[in-house]
Amino acid sequence: MAFGLNRAELIGRLGADVTINHLASGGRVANLSIATDEGYIDKQSGDRVEKTEWHRVVTFQPGLVDMFEKHAKKGRLVYVAGKLQTRRWKKDEEDSDRFSTEILIAPGGRVQFLDKVNGNGNGNGNGAHAEEAVPAGVVGEDIPF
């Protein structure tokens, strides 16, 4: 019997407005780029060093695609919970395969904007949860990135 756990969670800022693409099947896909920041102290110099990691996030869920289209703007602080998936493809003019690892927000995943931009609420979509609110315990605190 096989068993596994595939879960990824991020809190970060959107690096660009969402990109929505139309599929040949008639559906749509939302692609996001999320930056997470972390820092450390360089042992040699004693200086604080900041490091940014970029993450690709994708969803095919119609309700989430609609919500992202309305609310996913560059700079927004967002929480995302999904699963890792790696896609493989080949460009026509190249012999070698290309790979891309991304976070897939599927049914059961979660999205929550952690900042307020306007008074509009977000809609829920196909099993994923989305809110336009600051979670309890974060109000009045500075988020470190």
N, C-alpha and C. Protein backbone atom coordinates (compact mmCIF):
# COMPACT_ATOMS: atom_id res chain seq x y z
N MET A 1 0.84 -1.17 0.00
CA MET A 1 0.00 0.00 0.00
C MET A 1 0.89 1.24 0.00
N ALA A 2 0.60 2.17 -0.90
CA ALA A 2 1.37 3.41 -0.99
C ALA A 2 0.71 4.49 -0.15
N PHE A 3 1.53 5.33 0.46
CA PHE A 3 1.04 6.43 1.24
C PHE A 3 1.96 7.62 1.05
N GLY A 4 1.40 8.79 1.00
CA GLY A 4 2.23 9.98 0.86
C GLY A 4 1.46 11.22 1.26
N LEU A 5 2.20 12.29 1.45
CA LEU A 5 1.62 13.58 1.76
C LEU A 5 2.28 14.60 0.86
N ASN A 6 1.49 15.33 0.13
CA ASN A 6 1.99 16.36 -0.77
C ASN A 6 1.26 17.64 -0.43
N ARG A 7 1.91 18.52 0.31
CA ARG A 7 1.28 19.77 0.76
C ARG A 7 2.33 20.87 0.76
N ALA A 8 1.91 22.04 0.27
CA ALA A 8 2.79 23.20 0.25
C ALA A 8 2.00 24.41 0.73
N GLU A 9 2.61 25.21 1.61
CA GLU A 9 1.98 26.42 2.12
C GLU A 9 2.96 27.58 1.99
N LEU A 10 2.43 28.73 1.58
CA LEU A 10 3.25 29.92 1.43
C LEU A 10 2.52 31.13 1.98
N ILE A 11 3.27 32.08 2.49
CA ILE A 11 2.79 33.43 2.72
C ILE A 11 3.81 34.32 2.03
N GLY A 12 3.33 35.11 1.08
CA GLY A 12 4.24 35.98 0.35
C GLY A 12 3.49 37.04 -0.42
N ARG A 13 4.24 37.81 -1.16
CA ARG A 13 3.65 38.89 -1.96
C ARG A 13 3.62 38.50 -3.43
N LEU A 14 2.54 38.92 -4.10
CA LEU A 14 2.43 38.66 -5.53
C LEU A 14 3.46 39.53 -6.27
N GLY A 15 4.25 38.90 -7.12
CA GLY A 15 5.28 39.60 -7.87
C GLY A 15 4.75 40.32 -9.09
N ALA A 16 3.54 39.99 -9.50
CA ALA A 16 2.90 40.60 -10.67
C ALA A 16 1.41 40.35 -10.57
N ASP A 17 0.63 41.06 -11.38
CA ASP A 17 -0.79 40.76 -11.48
C ASP A 17 -0.94 39.34 -12.01
N VAL A 18 -2.04 38.69 -11.66
CA VAL A 18 -2.31 37.33 -12.13
C VAL A 18 -2.33 37.29 -13.66
N THR A 19 -1.92 36.17 -14.22
CA THR A 19 -2.04 35.92 -15.66
C THR A 19 -3.10 34.85 -15.85
N ILE A 20 -4.11 35.16 -16.66
CA ILE A 20 -5.19 34.21 -16.95
C ILE A 20 -5.05 33.77 -18.41
N ASN A 21 -4.98 32.47 -18.63
CA ASN A 21 -4.90 31.92 -19.98
C ASN A 21 -6.12 31.05 -20.26
N HIS A 22 -6.54 31.05 -21.51
CA HIS A 22 -7.67 30.23 -21.94
C HIS A 22 -7.14 28.92 -22.52
N LEU A 23 -7.78 27.81 -22.16
CA LEU A 23 -7.37 26.49 -22.60
C LEU A 23 -8.18 26.05 -23.81
N ALA A 24 -7.64 25.14 -24.59
CA ALA A 24 -8.35 24.61 -25.75
C ALA A 24 -9.66 23.93 -25.34
N SER A 25 -9.71 23.42 -24.12
CA SER A 25 -10.90 22.74 -23.61
C SER A 25 -12.02 23.71 -23.25
N GLY A 26 -11.71 25.00 -23.27
CA GLY A 26 -12.70 26.01 -22.91
C GLY A 26 -12.53 26.53 -21.49
N GLY A 27 -11.74 25.87 -20.68
CA GLY A 27 -11.49 26.32 -19.31
C GLY A 27 -10.45 27.42 -19.27
N ARG A 28 -10.15 27.86 -18.07
CA ARG A 28 -9.13 28.88 -17.88
C ARG A 28 -8.16 28.44 -16.79
N VAL A 29 -6.97 29.00 -16.82
CA VAL A 29 -5.96 28.72 -15.81
C VAL A 29 -5.40 30.04 -15.32
N ALA A 30 -5.22 30.15 -14.00
CA ALA A 30 -4.62 31.33 -13.39
C ALA A 30 -3.20 30.98 -12.97
N ASN A 31 -2.25 31.84 -13.34
CA ASN A 31 -0.84 31.66 -12.98
C ASN A 31 -0.40 32.85 -12.13
N LEU A 32 0.22 32.53 -10.99
CA LEU A 32 0.69 33.55 -10.06
C LEU A 32 2.16 33.35 -9.78
N SER A 33 2.84 34.43 -9.46
CA SER A 33 4.22 34.39 -9.01
C SER A 33 4.26 35.01 -7.62
N ILE A 34 4.67 34.22 -6.63
CA ILE A 34 4.68 34.67 -5.24
C ILE A 34 6.12 34.68 -4.72
N ALA A 35 6.49 35.79 -4.09
CA ALA A 35 7.82 35.95 -3.50
C ALA A 35 7.75 35.77 -2.00
N THR A 36 8.64 34.93 -1.47
CA THR A 36 8.80 34.81 -0.03
C THR A 36 10.19 35.33 0.32
N ASP A 37 10.27 36.04 1.42
CA ASP A 37 11.53 36.63 1.86
C ASP A 37 11.99 35.99 3.15
N GLU A 38 13.29 35.83 3.28
CA GLU A 38 13.86 35.38 4.53
C GLU A 38 15.24 36.02 4.66
N GLY A 39 15.71 36.08 5.86
CA GLY A 39 17.01 36.70 6.08
C GLY A 39 17.87 35.86 7.00
N TYR A 40 19.17 36.13 6.94
CA TYR A 40 20.11 35.46 7.83
C TYR A 40 21.29 36.39 8.07
N ILE A 41 22.08 36.08 9.08
CA ILE A 41 23.27 36.86 9.41
C ILE A 41 24.48 36.17 8.79
N ASP A 42 25.21 36.88 7.95
CA ASP A 42 26.43 36.35 7.33
C ASP A 42 27.48 36.15 8.42
N LYS A 43 28.02 34.94 8.53
CA LYS A 43 28.98 34.62 9.59
C LYS A 43 30.29 35.40 9.44
N GLN A 44 30.69 35.68 8.21
CA GLN A 44 31.96 36.39 7.98
C GLN A 44 31.86 37.88 8.31
N SER A 45 30.81 38.54 7.78
CA SER A 45 30.72 39.99 7.93
C SER A 45 29.82 40.43 9.09
N GLY A 46 28.94 39.55 9.53
CA GLY A 46 27.98 39.93 10.56
C GLY A 46 26.80 40.72 10.02
N ASP A 47 26.78 40.94 8.70
CA ASP A 47 25.69 41.70 8.08
C ASP A 47 24.46 40.81 7.88
N ARG A 48 23.31 41.46 7.93
CA ARG A 48 22.07 40.75 7.63
C ARG A 48 21.93 40.65 6.11
N VAL A 49 21.63 39.45 5.62
CA VAL A 49 21.47 39.19 4.20
C VAL A 49 20.02 38.78 3.95
N GLU A 50 19.37 39.46 3.02
CA GLU A 50 17.99 39.14 2.66
C GLU A 50 17.99 38.27 1.41
N LYS A 51 17.11 37.28 1.39
CA LYS A 51 17.01 36.37 0.26
C LYS A 51 15.54 36.25 -0.14
N THR A 52 15.27 36.36 -1.43
CA THR A 52 13.92 36.21 -1.95
C THR A 52 13.85 34.93 -2.77
N GLU A 53 12.83 34.14 -2.50
CA GLU A 53 12.58 32.92 -3.26
C GLU A 53 11.27 33.12 -4.03
N TRP A 54 11.25 32.74 -5.31
CA TRP A 54 10.07 32.91 -6.15
C TRP A 54 9.38 31.57 -6.35
N HIS A 55 8.05 31.58 -6.28
CA HIS A 55 7.25 30.36 -6.39
C HIS A 55 6.17 30.56 -7.46
N ARG A 56 5.99 29.54 -8.27
CA ARG A 56 4.91 29.54 -9.28
C ARG A 56 3.70 28.86 -8.68
N VAL A 57 2.54 29.49 -8.84
CA VAL A 57 1.29 28.95 -8.33
C VAL A 57 0.29 28.91 -9.48
N VAL A 58 -0.48 27.81 -9.55
CA VAL A 58 -1.43 27.65 -10.65
C VAL A 58 -2.73 27.06 -10.12
N THR A 59 -3.86 27.46 -10.72
CA THR A 59 -5.14 26.83 -10.42
C THR A 59 -6.01 26.82 -11.67
N PHE A 60 -6.79 25.75 -11.78
CA PHE A 60 -7.75 25.59 -12.86
C PHE A 60 -9.17 25.72 -12.33
N GLN A 61 -9.35 25.96 -11.02
CA GLN A 61 -10.65 26.04 -10.39
C GLN A 61 -11.38 27.31 -10.84
N PRO A 62 -12.53 27.17 -11.52
CA PRO A 62 -13.20 28.35 -12.10
C PRO A 62 -13.48 29.47 -11.10
N GLY A 63 -13.92 29.14 -9.89
CA GLY A 63 -14.20 30.17 -8.89
C GLY A 63 -12.95 30.90 -8.45
N LEU A 64 -11.86 30.17 -8.29
CA LEU A 64 -10.60 30.80 -7.90
C LEU A 64 -10.02 31.63 -9.04
N VAL A 65 -10.15 31.14 -10.27
CA VAL A 65 -9.68 31.92 -11.42
C VAL A 65 -10.41 33.26 -11.45
N ASP A 66 -11.73 33.24 -11.25
CA ASP A 66 -12.52 34.48 -11.22
C ASP A 66 -12.06 35.39 -10.08
N MET A 67 -11.86 34.82 -8.88
CA MET A 67 -11.45 35.60 -7.73
C MET A 67 -10.07 36.22 -7.96
N PHE A 68 -9.13 35.44 -8.49
CA PHE A 68 -7.79 35.96 -8.77
C PHE A 68 -7.86 37.07 -9.82
N GLU A 69 -8.69 36.90 -10.82
CA GLU A 69 -8.82 37.90 -11.87
C GLU A 69 -9.24 39.25 -11.29
N LYS A 70 -10.07 39.23 -10.26
CA LYS A 70 -10.56 40.46 -9.64
C LYS A 70 -9.60 41.03 -8.60
N HIS A 71 -8.92 40.17 -7.86
CA HIS A 71 -8.21 40.64 -6.67
C HIS A 71 -6.70 40.40 -6.63
N ALA A 72 -6.15 39.57 -7.49
CA ALA A 72 -4.73 39.22 -7.40
C ALA A 72 -3.89 40.25 -8.15
N LYS A 73 -3.49 41.28 -7.44
CA LYS A 73 -2.70 42.37 -8.01
C LYS A 73 -1.30 42.37 -7.39
N LYS A 74 -0.36 42.84 -8.17
CA LYS A 74 1.04 42.90 -7.73
C LYS A 74 1.14 43.56 -6.35
N GLY A 75 1.92 42.92 -5.47
CA GLY A 75 2.16 43.47 -4.14
C GLY A 75 1.24 42.96 -3.06
N ARG A 76 0.12 42.31 -3.43
CA ARG A 76 -0.81 41.79 -2.42
C ARG A 76 -0.15 40.70 -1.59
N LEU A 77 -0.43 40.70 -0.30
CA LEU A 77 0.05 39.66 0.61
C LEU A 77 -0.96 38.54 0.62
N VAL A 78 -0.50 37.31 0.35
CA VAL A 78 -1.43 36.19 0.18
C VAL A 78 -0.89 34.93 0.84
N TYR A 79 -1.83 34.15 1.39
CA TYR A 79 -1.54 32.81 1.91
C TYR A 79 -2.09 31.82 0.89
N VAL A 80 -1.29 30.82 0.55
CA VAL A 80 -1.69 29.80 -0.42
C VAL A 80 -1.35 28.43 0.16
N ALA A 81 -2.31 27.50 0.08
CA ALA A 81 -2.07 26.11 0.46
C ALA A 81 -2.50 25.24 -0.70
N GLY A 82 -1.60 24.41 -1.17
CA GLY A 82 -1.90 23.52 -2.28
C GLY A 82 -0.95 22.34 -2.24
N LYS A 83 -0.66 21.80 -3.42
CA LYS A 83 0.27 20.67 -3.49
C LYS A 83 1.28 20.93 -4.60
N LEU A 84 2.45 20.33 -4.46
CA LEU A 84 3.49 20.47 -5.48
C LEU A 84 3.20 19.57 -6.66
N GLN A 85 3.45 20.10 -7.84
CA GLN A 85 3.37 19.27 -9.05
C GLN A 85 4.49 19.72 -9.98
N THR A 86 5.05 18.76 -10.69
CA THR A 86 6.10 19.05 -11.66
C THR A 86 5.59 18.70 -13.04
N ARG A 87 5.66 19.67 -13.93
CA ARG A 87 5.25 19.45 -15.33
C ARG A 87 6.50 19.25 -16.18
N ARG A 88 6.35 18.44 -17.20
CA ARG A 88 7.45 18.20 -18.15
C ARG A 88 6.93 18.49 -19.55
N TRP A 89 7.72 19.22 -20.33
CA TRP A 89 7.35 19.50 -21.70
C TRP A 89 8.61 19.65 -22.54
N LYS A 90 8.40 19.65 -23.83
CA LYS A 90 9.51 19.77 -24.77
C LYS A 90 9.17 20.86 -25.77
N LYS A 91 10.10 21.78 -26.00
CA LYS A 91 9.92 22.78 -27.05
C LYS A 91 10.24 22.15 -28.39
N ASP A 92 9.54 22.59 -29.41
CA ASP A 92 9.69 22.01 -30.75
C ASP A 92 11.13 22.04 -31.24
N GLU A 93 11.83 23.14 -31.00
CA GLU A 93 13.18 23.28 -31.54
C GLU A 93 14.27 22.75 -30.61
N GLU A 94 13.90 22.11 -29.51
CA GLU A 94 14.88 21.59 -28.56
C GLU A 94 14.74 20.09 -28.39
N ASP A 95 15.87 19.42 -28.12
CA ASP A 95 15.87 17.97 -27.91
C ASP A 95 15.58 17.58 -26.47
N SER A 96 15.99 18.43 -25.53
CA SER A 96 15.86 18.06 -24.12
C SER A 96 14.51 18.51 -23.55
N ASP A 97 14.09 17.79 -22.50
CA ASP A 97 12.85 18.12 -21.80
C ASP A 97 13.08 19.32 -20.89
N ARG A 98 12.00 20.05 -20.65
CA ARG A 98 12.00 21.14 -19.68
C ARG A 98 11.07 20.74 -18.54
N PHE A 99 11.38 21.25 -17.35
CA PHE A 99 10.59 20.93 -16.17
C PHE A 99 10.21 22.20 -15.43
N SER A 100 9.06 22.18 -14.80
CA SER A 100 8.62 23.30 -13.97
C SER A 100 7.88 22.73 -12.76
N THR A 101 8.34 23.10 -11.58
CA THR A 101 7.66 22.69 -10.35
C THR A 101 6.86 23.87 -9.85
N GLU A 102 5.59 23.62 -9.54
CA GLU A 102 4.70 24.69 -9.13
C GLU A 102 3.77 24.19 -8.04
N ILE A 103 3.09 25.13 -7.40
CA ILE A 103 2.09 24.79 -6.40
C ILE A 103 0.74 24.82 -7.08
N LEU A 104 0.04 23.69 -7.05
CA LEU A 104 -1.29 23.57 -7.65
C LEU A 104 -2.33 23.76 -6.56
N ILE A 105 -3.25 24.71 -6.79
CA ILE A 105 -4.38 24.89 -5.88
C ILE A 105 -5.54 24.12 -6.48
N ALA A 106 -5.79 22.96 -5.93
CA ALA A 106 -6.85 22.06 -6.39
C ALA A 106 -7.99 22.11 -5.37
N PRO A 107 -9.10 21.40 -5.62
CA PRO A 107 -10.15 21.33 -4.59
C PRO A 107 -9.55 20.89 -3.26
N GLY A 108 -9.91 21.58 -2.20
CA GLY A 108 -9.33 21.32 -0.88
C GLY A 108 -8.18 22.24 -0.56
N GLY A 109 -7.66 22.96 -1.56
CA GLY A 109 -6.61 23.95 -1.32
C GLY A 109 -7.20 25.19 -0.67
N ARG A 110 -6.35 26.15 -0.41
CA ARG A 110 -6.82 27.36 0.26
C ARG A 110 -6.05 28.58 -0.21
N VAL A 111 -6.78 29.69 -0.32
CA VAL A 111 -6.19 30.98 -0.66
C VAL A 111 -6.79 32.00 0.28
N GLN A 112 -5.95 32.86 0.86
CA GLN A 112 -6.47 33.93 1.70
C GLN A 112 -5.60 35.16 1.52
N PHE A 113 -6.22 36.28 1.16
CA PHE A 113 -5.49 37.53 1.09
C PHE A 113 -5.35 38.05 2.51
N LEU A 114 -4.15 38.46 2.88
CA LEU A 114 -3.86 38.86 4.26
C LEU A 114 -3.82 40.38 4.42
N ASP A 115 -4.12 41.10 3.36
CA ASP A 115 -4.18 42.55 3.45
C ASP A 115 -5.50 43.01 2.87
N LYS A 116 -5.81 44.27 3.09
CA LYS A 116 -7.05 44.84 2.55
C LYS A 116 -6.67 45.89 1.53
N VAL A 117 -7.27 45.78 0.35
CA VAL A 117 -7.05 46.78 -0.69
C VAL A 117 -8.30 47.60 -0.90
N ASN A 118 -9.45 46.91 -0.90
CA ASN A 118 -10.73 47.59 -1.06
C ASN A 118 -11.77 46.92 -0.18
N GLY A 119 -12.98 47.40 -0.20
CA GLY A 119 -14.03 46.86 0.65
C GLY A 119 -14.73 45.65 0.08
N ASN A 120 -14.37 45.20 -1.12
CA ASN A 120 -15.04 44.06 -1.74
C ASN A 120 -14.55 42.75 -1.14
N GLY A 121 -15.46 41.81 -0.96
CA GLY A 121 -15.08 40.49 -0.49
C GLY A 121 -14.77 39.59 -1.68
N ASN A 122 -14.06 38.53 -1.43
CA ASN A 122 -13.74 37.55 -2.47
C ASN A 122 -14.77 36.45 -2.45
N GLY A 123 -14.94 35.80 -3.58
CA GLY A 123 -15.84 34.66 -3.66
C GLY A 123 -15.10 33.37 -3.43
N ASN A 124 -15.83 32.35 -3.07
CA ASN A 124 -15.24 31.02 -2.91
C ASN A 124 -15.37 30.26 -4.21
N GLY A 125 -14.47 29.32 -4.44
CA GLY A 125 -14.54 28.58 -5.69
C GLY A 125 -14.21 27.12 -5.56
N ASN A 126 -15.17 26.28 -5.82
CA ASN A 126 -14.97 24.83 -5.97
C ASN A 126 -14.12 24.19 -4.89
N GLY A 127 -14.49 24.36 -3.66
CA GLY A 127 -13.81 23.64 -2.58
C GLY A 127 -12.64 24.38 -1.99
N ALA A 128 -12.13 25.40 -2.63
CA ALA A 128 -11.04 26.17 -2.05
C ALA A 128 -11.64 27.35 -1.30
N HIS A 129 -10.93 27.85 -0.33
CA HIS A 129 -11.44 28.89 0.53
C HIS A 129 -10.69 30.18 0.26
N ALA A 130 -11.40 31.28 0.11
CA ALA A 130 -10.76 32.57 -0.12
C ALA A 130 -11.47 33.63 0.70
N GLU A 131 -10.72 34.45 1.40
CA GLU A 131 -11.29 35.52 2.19
C GLU A 131 -10.49 36.79 1.97
N GLU A 132 -11.12 37.93 2.15
CA GLU A 132 -10.45 39.22 2.09
C GLU A 132 -10.40 39.73 3.52
N ALA A 133 -9.51 39.17 4.34
CA ALA A 133 -9.46 39.54 5.74
C ALA A 133 -8.09 39.26 6.30
N VAL A 134 -7.77 39.97 7.39
CA VAL A 134 -6.55 39.69 8.13
C VAL A 134 -6.90 38.65 9.18
N PRO A 135 -6.16 37.54 9.26
CA PRO A 135 -6.50 36.50 10.22
C PRO A 135 -6.33 36.99 11.66
N ALA A 136 -7.05 36.37 12.58
CA ALA A 136 -6.97 36.72 13.99
C ALA A 136 -5.54 36.59 14.47
N GLY A 137 -5.11 37.51 15.30
CA GLY A 137 -3.76 37.46 15.85
C GLY A 137 -2.73 38.21 15.02
N VAL A 138 -3.08 38.62 13.81
CA VAL A 138 -2.13 39.33 12.96
C VAL A 138 -2.43 40.83 12.95
N VAL A 139 -3.63 41.21 13.34
CA VAL A 139 -4.03 42.62 13.32
C VAL A 139 -3.07 43.42 14.18
N GLY A 140 -2.54 44.50 13.63
CA GLY A 140 -1.66 45.39 14.35
C GLY A 140 -0.21 44.96 14.41
N GLU A 141 0.12 43.82 13.85
CA GLU A 141 1.51 43.37 13.83
C GLU A 141 2.11 43.61 12.45
N ASP A 142 3.40 43.86 12.42
CA ASP A 142 4.10 44.00 11.15
C ASP A 142 4.49 42.63 10.64
N ILE A 143 4.10 42.33 9.43
CA ILE A 143 4.52 41.07 8.82
C ILE A 143 5.92 41.33 8.24
N PRO A 144 6.89 40.44 8.47
CA PRO A 144 8.29 40.74 8.20
C PRO A 144 8.70 40.82 6.73
N PHE A 145 7.78 40.76 5.77
CA PHE A 145 8.16 40.90 4.36
C PHE A 145 7.09 41.55 3.57
